Amino acid sequence: MTSIGCIGLLVTAVALLGRWAALLPWGFVGVGAGYAVFLSLRANTVDARAPLLAAAFFIAAELSFWSIERRGWRSEGQVVARRLALLASAGLGTAIVGGLLLLVTSGRGIGIGYEAAGVAAAVLTLTVIALLARRSRLVHPPRRGG
């Protein structure tokens, strides 16, 4: 378990130092796999800290890609502040949605309202991911040729 996570951290560090955007996701896969193994080895597989870890993982991934993105412009203070505020908001939203999903799936008798909110949160999460992926393809179209 620890070795998988450590390998993931090592790959992430190498990707950051080498500024290799293609390698960076593999580092995060290793870290996530280490956490998944950790959860599978526990008697109680539900981790109450999972929403906070998801938010931290999301923010770490965004900051990692931000740090290696190639840009020919100098960052203006307002742009950086706005980007950090959006990232903090997205991290908070990740923690809230994760907490709601954890509550809904906990098996406690919480009622149909919470169940519906959990389903809505899951749908919203997938919609945001799809929109961000689409936006990323529009902003950074794949390169053709060599």
N, C-alpha and C. Protein backbone atom coordinates (compact mmCIF):
# COMPACT_ATOMS: atom_id res chain seq x y z
N MET A 1 0.84 -1.18 0.00
CA MET A 1 0.00 0.00 0.00
C MET A 1 0.88 1.25 0.00
N THR A 2 1.79 1.33 0.94
CA THR A 2 2.64 2.51 1.04
C THR A 2 3.53 2.64 -0.19
N SER A 3 4.03 1.51 -0.69
CA SER A 3 4.93 1.59 -1.84
C SER A 3 4.21 2.10 -3.08
N ILE A 4 2.95 1.72 -3.26
CA ILE A 4 2.19 2.21 -4.43
C ILE A 4 2.04 3.73 -4.35
N GLY A 5 1.64 4.23 -3.20
CA GLY A 5 1.49 5.68 -3.01
C GLY A 5 2.81 6.41 -3.16
N CYS A 6 3.89 5.82 -2.63
CA CYS A 6 5.20 6.46 -2.74
C CYS A 6 5.68 6.49 -4.19
N ILE A 7 5.42 5.42 -4.92
CA ILE A 7 5.78 5.42 -6.35
C ILE A 7 4.97 6.50 -7.07
N GLY A 8 3.69 6.63 -6.72
CA GLY A 8 2.87 7.69 -7.31
C GLY A 8 3.42 9.07 -7.01
N LEU A 9 3.83 9.29 -5.77
CA LEU A 9 4.42 10.58 -5.40
C LEU A 9 5.72 10.82 -6.15
N LEU A 10 6.54 9.77 -6.29
CA LEU A 10 7.80 9.90 -7.02
C LEU A 10 7.56 10.24 -8.48
N VAL A 11 6.60 9.55 -9.11
CA VAL A 11 6.28 9.84 -10.51
C VAL A 11 5.75 11.27 -10.64
N THR A 12 4.92 11.70 -9.70
CA THR A 12 4.40 13.08 -9.71
C THR A 12 5.55 14.08 -9.59
N ALA A 13 6.48 13.82 -8.68
CA ALA A 13 7.63 14.72 -8.50
C ALA A 13 8.48 14.79 -9.76
N VAL A 14 8.74 13.64 -10.37
CA VAL A 14 9.53 13.61 -11.61
C VAL A 14 8.81 14.39 -12.71
N ALA A 15 7.50 14.18 -12.81
CA ALA A 15 6.72 14.89 -13.84
C ALA A 15 6.77 16.40 -13.61
N LEU A 16 6.68 16.82 -12.36
CA LEU A 16 6.73 18.25 -12.07
C LEU A 16 8.11 18.82 -12.35
N LEU A 17 9.14 18.11 -11.95
CA LEU A 17 10.50 18.61 -12.18
C LEU A 17 10.83 18.65 -13.67
N GLY A 18 10.38 17.64 -14.42
CA GLY A 18 10.64 17.59 -15.85
C GLY A 18 9.63 18.35 -16.68
N ARG A 19 8.57 18.85 -16.02
CA ARG A 19 7.49 19.57 -16.69
C ARG A 19 6.86 18.70 -17.78
N TRP A 20 6.61 17.42 -17.43
CA TRP A 20 6.03 16.46 -18.37
C TRP A 20 4.56 16.27 -18.04
N ALA A 21 3.71 16.97 -18.77
CA ALA A 21 2.27 16.92 -18.52
C ALA A 21 1.70 15.54 -18.80
N ALA A 22 2.29 14.79 -19.72
CA ALA A 22 1.78 13.46 -20.05
C ALA A 22 2.06 12.45 -18.94
N LEU A 23 3.09 12.67 -18.15
CA LEU A 23 3.45 11.76 -17.07
C LEU A 23 2.70 12.07 -15.78
N LEU A 24 2.32 13.31 -15.60
CA LEU A 24 1.70 13.75 -14.36
C LEU A 24 0.46 12.95 -13.96
N PRO A 25 -0.48 12.66 -14.87
CA PRO A 25 -1.65 11.87 -14.45
C PRO A 25 -1.29 10.50 -13.90
N TRP A 26 -0.21 9.90 -14.40
CA TRP A 26 0.18 8.58 -13.90
C TRP A 26 0.64 8.65 -12.45
N GLY A 27 1.24 9.76 -12.08
CA GLY A 27 1.60 9.95 -10.68
C GLY A 27 0.38 10.02 -9.79
N PHE A 28 -0.64 10.74 -10.26
CA PHE A 28 -1.87 10.83 -9.48
C PHE A 28 -2.61 9.50 -9.44
N VAL A 29 -2.51 8.73 -10.51
CA VAL A 29 -3.11 7.39 -10.51
C VAL A 29 -2.44 6.54 -9.43
N GLY A 30 -1.12 6.63 -9.32
CA GLY A 30 -0.41 5.88 -8.28
C GLY A 30 -0.81 6.29 -6.88
N VAL A 31 -0.94 7.58 -6.65
CA VAL A 31 -1.36 8.06 -5.33
C VAL A 31 -2.79 7.59 -5.03
N GLY A 32 -3.67 7.71 -6.01
CA GLY A 32 -5.05 7.25 -5.83
C GLY A 32 -5.12 5.75 -5.60
N ALA A 33 -4.29 5.00 -6.32
CA ALA A 33 -4.27 3.54 -6.14
C ALA A 33 -3.78 3.18 -4.74
N GLY A 34 -2.80 3.91 -4.25
CA GLY A 34 -2.33 3.68 -2.88
C GLY A 34 -3.43 3.90 -1.86
N TYR A 35 -4.23 4.94 -2.06
CA TYR A 35 -5.35 5.21 -1.16
C TYR A 35 -6.42 4.12 -1.28
N ALA A 36 -6.66 3.66 -2.52
CA ALA A 36 -7.65 2.60 -2.72
C ALA A 36 -7.22 1.31 -2.03
N VAL A 37 -5.93 0.98 -2.11
CA VAL A 37 -5.43 -0.21 -1.41
C VAL A 37 -5.56 -0.02 0.09
N PHE A 38 -5.24 1.15 0.59
CA PHE A 38 -5.40 1.46 2.01
C PHE A 38 -6.84 1.21 2.45
N LEU A 39 -7.80 1.69 1.67
CA LEU A 39 -9.21 1.49 2.02
C LEU A 39 -9.60 0.02 1.98
N SER A 40 -9.07 -0.71 1.01
CA SER A 40 -9.45 -2.12 0.88
C SER A 40 -8.89 -2.97 2.02
N LEU A 41 -7.83 -2.55 2.65
CA LEU A 41 -7.23 -3.31 3.73
C LEU A 41 -7.85 -3.00 5.10
N ARG A 42 -8.66 -1.99 5.16
CA ARG A 42 -9.30 -1.63 6.42
C ARG A 42 -10.54 -2.48 6.63
N ALA A 43 -10.88 -2.70 7.90
CA ALA A 43 -12.10 -3.46 8.21
C ALA A 43 -13.32 -2.65 7.81
N ASN A 44 -13.30 -1.37 8.09
CA ASN A 44 -14.39 -0.48 7.73
C ASN A 44 -13.92 0.33 6.52
N THR A 45 -14.47 0.04 5.33
CA THR A 45 -13.94 0.65 4.11
C THR A 45 -14.40 2.08 3.88
N VAL A 46 -15.33 2.58 4.68
CA VAL A 46 -15.78 3.95 4.51
C VAL A 46 -14.86 4.86 5.32
N ASP A 47 -14.30 5.84 4.66
CA ASP A 47 -13.40 6.80 5.31
C ASP A 47 -14.13 8.13 5.40
N ALA A 48 -14.39 8.57 6.60
CA ALA A 48 -15.11 9.82 6.80
C ALA A 48 -14.33 11.03 6.27
N ARG A 49 -13.03 10.88 6.12
CA ARG A 49 -12.21 11.98 5.61
C ARG A 49 -12.17 12.02 4.09
N ALA A 50 -12.80 11.08 3.43
CA ALA A 50 -12.72 10.99 1.97
C ALA A 50 -13.11 12.28 1.25
N PRO A 51 -14.18 12.99 1.66
CA PRO A 51 -14.49 14.25 0.96
C PRO A 51 -13.37 15.28 1.04
N LEU A 52 -12.73 15.37 2.21
CA LEU A 52 -11.62 16.33 2.35
C LEU A 52 -10.41 15.87 1.54
N LEU A 53 -10.16 14.57 1.52
CA LEU A 53 -9.06 14.05 0.72
C LEU A 53 -9.33 14.25 -0.77
N ALA A 54 -10.57 14.07 -1.18
CA ALA A 54 -10.93 14.30 -2.59
C ALA A 54 -10.69 15.75 -2.98
N ALA A 55 -11.09 16.67 -2.10
CA ALA A 55 -10.87 18.09 -2.37
C ALA A 55 -9.37 18.41 -2.44
N ALA A 56 -8.60 17.86 -1.51
CA ALA A 56 -7.15 18.09 -1.50
C ALA A 56 -6.51 17.49 -2.75
N PHE A 57 -6.95 16.32 -3.15
CA PHE A 57 -6.43 15.66 -4.35
C PHE A 57 -6.74 16.50 -5.59
N PHE A 58 -7.97 16.99 -5.67
CA PHE A 58 -8.39 17.84 -6.79
C PHE A 58 -7.54 19.11 -6.86
N ILE A 59 -7.38 19.77 -5.73
CA ILE A 59 -6.60 21.01 -5.70
C ILE A 59 -5.14 20.74 -6.04
N ALA A 60 -4.58 19.65 -5.52
CA ALA A 60 -3.19 19.30 -5.83
C ALA A 60 -3.01 19.04 -7.32
N ALA A 61 -3.95 18.34 -7.92
CA ALA A 61 -3.86 18.06 -9.36
C ALA A 61 -3.94 19.35 -10.17
N GLU A 62 -4.88 20.22 -9.82
CA GLU A 62 -5.01 21.48 -10.55
C GLU A 62 -3.75 22.34 -10.40
N LEU A 63 -3.23 22.45 -9.18
CA LEU A 63 -2.02 23.25 -8.98
C LEU A 63 -0.82 22.64 -9.70
N SER A 64 -0.76 21.31 -9.76
CA SER A 64 0.33 20.65 -10.46
C SER A 64 0.31 20.97 -11.95
N PHE A 65 -0.87 20.83 -12.54
CA PHE A 65 -0.96 21.13 -13.98
C PHE A 65 -0.74 22.63 -14.23
N TRP A 66 -1.23 23.46 -13.32
CA TRP A 66 -1.03 24.89 -13.46
C TRP A 66 0.46 25.22 -13.43
N SER A 67 1.20 24.54 -12.57
CA SER A 67 2.62 24.86 -12.41
C SER A 67 3.45 24.48 -13.63
N ILE A 68 2.99 23.51 -14.43
CA ILE A 68 3.80 23.10 -15.57
C ILE A 68 3.24 23.59 -16.91
N GLU A 69 2.09 24.26 -16.87
CA GLU A 69 1.53 24.71 -18.15
C GLU A 69 2.45 25.74 -18.77
N ARG A 70 2.56 25.64 -20.05
CA ARG A 70 3.44 26.55 -20.79
C ARG A 70 2.66 27.80 -21.16
N ARG A 71 3.22 28.92 -20.77
CA ARG A 71 2.56 30.17 -21.10
C ARG A 71 3.64 31.21 -21.41
N GLY A 72 3.34 32.01 -22.40
CA GLY A 72 4.29 33.03 -22.81
C GLY A 72 3.99 34.39 -22.20
N TRP A 73 3.01 34.44 -21.33
CA TRP A 73 2.62 35.71 -20.73
C TRP A 73 2.98 35.69 -19.27
N ARG A 74 3.08 36.85 -18.73
CA ARG A 74 3.34 36.99 -17.31
C ARG A 74 2.02 37.04 -16.57
N SER A 75 1.94 36.32 -15.48
CA SER A 75 0.71 36.28 -14.69
C SER A 75 0.47 37.62 -14.02
N GLU A 76 -0.71 38.14 -14.22
CA GLU A 76 -1.11 39.36 -13.55
C GLU A 76 -1.71 38.99 -12.20
N GLY A 77 -1.55 39.85 -11.23
CA GLY A 77 -2.04 39.59 -9.89
C GLY A 77 -3.53 39.28 -9.83
N GLN A 78 -4.32 40.05 -10.57
CA GLN A 78 -5.77 39.84 -10.55
C GLN A 78 -6.15 38.50 -11.16
N VAL A 79 -5.46 38.11 -12.21
CA VAL A 79 -5.75 36.83 -12.88
C VAL A 79 -5.40 35.68 -11.93
N VAL A 80 -4.25 35.77 -11.29
CA VAL A 80 -3.83 34.73 -10.36
C VAL A 80 -4.79 34.66 -9.17
N ALA A 81 -5.17 35.81 -8.63
CA ALA A 81 -6.10 35.83 -7.50
C ALA A 81 -7.45 35.23 -7.88
N ARG A 82 -7.94 35.57 -9.06
CA ARG A 82 -9.22 35.02 -9.52
C ARG A 82 -9.12 33.51 -9.73
N ARG A 83 -8.02 33.09 -10.32
CA ARG A 83 -7.84 31.65 -10.55
C ARG A 83 -7.75 30.89 -9.24
N LEU A 84 -7.03 31.44 -8.26
CA LEU A 84 -6.94 30.79 -6.96
C LEU A 84 -8.29 30.77 -6.24
N ALA A 85 -9.06 31.84 -6.37
CA ALA A 85 -10.38 31.88 -5.75
C ALA A 85 -11.30 30.83 -6.38
N LEU A 86 -11.23 30.71 -7.70
CA LEU A 86 -12.03 29.68 -8.38
C LEU A 86 -11.59 28.28 -7.97
N LEU A 87 -10.31 28.09 -7.83
CA LEU A 87 -9.80 26.79 -7.42
C LEU A 87 -10.24 26.46 -5.99
N ALA A 88 -10.18 27.44 -5.10
CA ALA A 88 -10.64 27.22 -3.72
C ALA A 88 -12.13 26.92 -3.70
N SER A 89 -12.89 27.63 -4.50
CA SER A 89 -14.34 27.36 -4.59
C SER A 89 -14.61 25.97 -5.13
N ALA A 90 -13.89 25.58 -6.15
CA ALA A 90 -14.08 24.24 -6.72
C ALA A 90 -13.68 23.17 -5.71
N GLY A 91 -12.62 23.41 -4.95
CA GLY A 91 -12.21 22.47 -3.91
C GLY A 91 -13.26 22.35 -2.82
N LEU A 92 -13.82 23.48 -2.42
CA LEU A 92 -14.89 23.46 -1.42
C LEU A 92 -16.11 22.73 -1.97
N GLY A 93 -16.45 22.99 -3.22
CA GLY A 93 -17.57 22.30 -3.84
C GLY A 93 -17.34 20.80 -3.91
N THR A 94 -16.10 20.40 -4.20
CA THR A 94 -15.74 18.98 -4.22
C THR A 94 -15.96 18.35 -2.85
N ALA A 95 -15.53 19.04 -1.80
CA ALA A 95 -15.71 18.51 -0.45
C ALA A 95 -17.18 18.42 -0.07
N ILE A 96 -17.96 19.42 -0.45
CA ILE A 96 -19.39 19.42 -0.12
C ILE A 96 -20.11 18.29 -0.86
N VAL A 97 -19.87 18.18 -2.16
CA VAL A 97 -20.52 17.12 -2.94
C VAL A 97 -20.06 15.75 -2.43
N GLY A 98 -18.77 15.61 -2.14
CA GLY A 98 -18.27 14.34 -1.61
C GLY A 98 -18.90 14.00 -0.27
N GLY A 99 -19.04 15.00 0.59
CA GLY A 99 -19.69 14.76 1.88
C GLY A 99 -21.14 14.36 1.73
N LEU A 100 -21.82 15.00 0.81
CA LEU A 100 -23.22 14.66 0.56
C LEU A 100 -23.35 13.25 0.01
N LEU A 101 -22.48 12.90 -0.93
CA LEU A 101 -22.50 11.54 -1.47
C LEU A 101 -22.17 10.51 -0.40
N LEU A 102 -21.22 10.83 0.47
CA LEU A 102 -20.88 9.92 1.56
C LEU A 102 -22.05 9.74 2.51
N LEU A 103 -22.75 10.83 2.78
CA LEU A 103 -23.92 10.76 3.66
C LEU A 103 -25.01 9.91 3.03
N VAL A 104 -25.26 10.10 1.75
CA VAL A 104 -26.31 9.37 1.07
C VAL A 104 -25.98 7.88 1.01
N THR A 105 -24.73 7.54 0.77
CA THR A 105 -24.36 6.13 0.62
C THR A 105 -24.04 5.46 1.95
N SER A 106 -24.13 6.19 3.05
CA SER A 106 -23.76 5.61 4.34
C SER A 106 -24.75 4.56 4.83
N GLY A 107 -25.93 4.52 4.25
CA GLY A 107 -26.90 3.51 4.64
C GLY A 107 -27.78 3.93 5.79
N ARG A 108 -27.59 5.09 6.31
CA ARG A 108 -28.44 5.58 7.38
C ARG A 108 -29.79 5.97 6.82
N GLY A 109 -30.82 5.85 7.62
CA GLY A 109 -32.15 6.24 7.18
C GLY A 109 -32.26 7.75 7.14
N ILE A 110 -31.90 8.35 6.02
CA ILE A 110 -31.85 9.81 5.96
C ILE A 110 -33.01 10.41 5.18
N GLY A 111 -33.80 9.59 4.54
CA GLY A 111 -34.97 10.11 3.86
C GLY A 111 -34.76 10.32 2.37
N ILE A 112 -35.86 10.45 1.70
CA ILE A 112 -35.86 10.58 0.24
C ILE A 112 -35.26 11.91 -0.23
N GLY A 113 -35.39 12.95 0.58
CA GLY A 113 -34.84 14.26 0.21
C GLY A 113 -33.33 14.22 0.07
N TYR A 114 -32.68 13.58 1.04
CA TYR A 114 -31.23 13.46 0.96
C TYR A 114 -30.81 12.53 -0.17
N GLU A 115 -31.58 11.48 -0.38
CA GLU A 115 -31.30 10.57 -1.50
C GLU A 115 -31.34 11.34 -2.82
N ALA A 116 -32.38 12.13 -3.00
CA ALA A 116 -32.52 12.91 -4.24
C ALA A 116 -31.38 13.93 -4.36
N ALA A 117 -31.01 14.53 -3.25
CA ALA A 117 -29.90 15.49 -3.27
C ALA A 117 -28.59 14.80 -3.65
N GLY A 118 -28.40 13.58 -3.16
CA GLY A 118 -27.20 12.83 -3.50
C GLY A 118 -27.14 12.48 -4.98
N VAL A 119 -28.26 12.06 -5.52
CA VAL A 119 -28.32 11.75 -6.96
C VAL A 119 -28.06 13.02 -7.77
N ALA A 120 -28.67 14.13 -7.35
CA ALA A 120 -28.46 15.41 -8.04
C ALA A 120 -27.00 15.82 -7.96
N ALA A 121 -26.37 15.61 -6.81
CA ALA A 121 -24.96 15.96 -6.65
C ALA A 121 -24.08 15.12 -7.56
N ALA A 122 -24.40 13.83 -7.67
CA ALA A 122 -23.62 12.96 -8.55
C ALA A 122 -23.77 13.39 -10.01
N VAL A 123 -24.99 13.70 -10.42
CA VAL A 123 -25.24 14.15 -11.79
C VAL A 123 -24.53 15.48 -12.04
N LEU A 124 -24.60 16.38 -11.08
CA LEU A 124 -23.92 17.68 -11.21
C LEU A 124 -22.42 17.49 -11.34
N THR A 125 -21.86 16.60 -10.54
CA THR A 125 -20.43 16.34 -10.60
C THR A 125 -20.01 15.84 -11.98
N LEU A 126 -20.74 14.87 -12.50
CA LEU A 126 -20.42 14.34 -13.82
C LEU A 126 -20.60 15.39 -14.91
N THR A 127 -21.62 16.24 -14.77
CA THR A 127 -21.84 17.31 -15.74
C THR A 127 -20.69 18.30 -15.74
N VAL A 128 -20.24 18.69 -14.55
CA VAL A 128 -19.13 19.64 -14.45
C VAL A 128 -17.86 19.04 -15.05
N ILE A 129 -17.61 17.77 -14.77
CA ILE A 129 -16.43 17.10 -15.33
C ILE A 129 -16.50 17.08 -16.85
N ALA A 130 -17.67 16.74 -17.39
CA ALA A 130 -17.84 16.71 -18.85
C ALA A 130 -17.64 18.09 -19.46
N LEU A 131 -18.19 19.12 -18.82
CA LEU A 131 -18.04 20.49 -19.34
C LEU A 131 -16.59 20.95 -19.28
N LEU A 132 -15.90 20.62 -18.19
CA LEU A 132 -14.50 21.00 -18.08
C LEU A 132 -13.65 20.27 -19.12
N ALA A 133 -13.94 19.01 -19.35
CA ALA A 133 -13.21 18.26 -20.37
C ALA A 133 -13.46 18.85 -21.75
N ARG A 134 -14.70 19.20 -22.02
CA ARG A 134 -15.04 19.80 -23.32
C ARG A 134 -14.35 21.15 -23.48
N ARG A 135 -14.37 21.95 -22.42
CA ARG A 135 -13.73 23.27 -22.45
C ARG A 135 -12.23 23.13 -22.66
N SER A 136 -11.65 22.13 -22.02
CA SER A 136 -10.22 21.90 -22.17
C SER A 136 -9.88 21.56 -23.61
N ARG A 137 -10.71 20.76 -24.26
CA ARG A 137 -10.46 20.42 -25.66
C ARG A 137 -10.64 21.62 -26.56
N LEU A 138 -11.56 22.52 -26.21
CA LEU A 138 -11.77 23.72 -27.03
C LEU A 138 -10.64 24.71 -26.87
N VAL A 139 -10.15 24.86 -25.64
CA VAL A 139 -9.08 25.81 -25.36
C VAL A 139 -7.74 25.28 -25.84
N HIS A 140 -7.50 23.99 -25.64
CA HIS A 140 -6.24 23.36 -26.01
C HIS A 140 -6.51 22.23 -26.98
N PRO A 141 -6.78 22.54 -28.27
CA PRO A 141 -7.06 21.47 -29.23
C PRO A 141 -5.83 20.58 -29.40
N PRO A 142 -6.07 19.30 -29.70
CA PRO A 142 -4.93 18.40 -29.89
C PRO A 142 -4.08 18.83 -31.08
N ARG A 143 -2.79 18.63 -30.95
CA ARG A 143 -1.87 19.00 -32.04
C ARG A 143 -1.88 17.92 -33.09
N ARG A 144 -1.84 18.36 -34.31
CA ARG A 144 -1.83 17.41 -35.44
C ARG A 144 -0.47 17.46 -36.10
N GLY A 145 -0.06 16.33 -36.59
CA GLY A 145 1.21 16.29 -37.33
C GLY A 145 2.40 16.34 -36.41
N GLY A 146 3.54 16.45 -36.96
CA GLY A 146 4.76 16.43 -36.13
C GLY A 146 5.64 17.46 -36.49
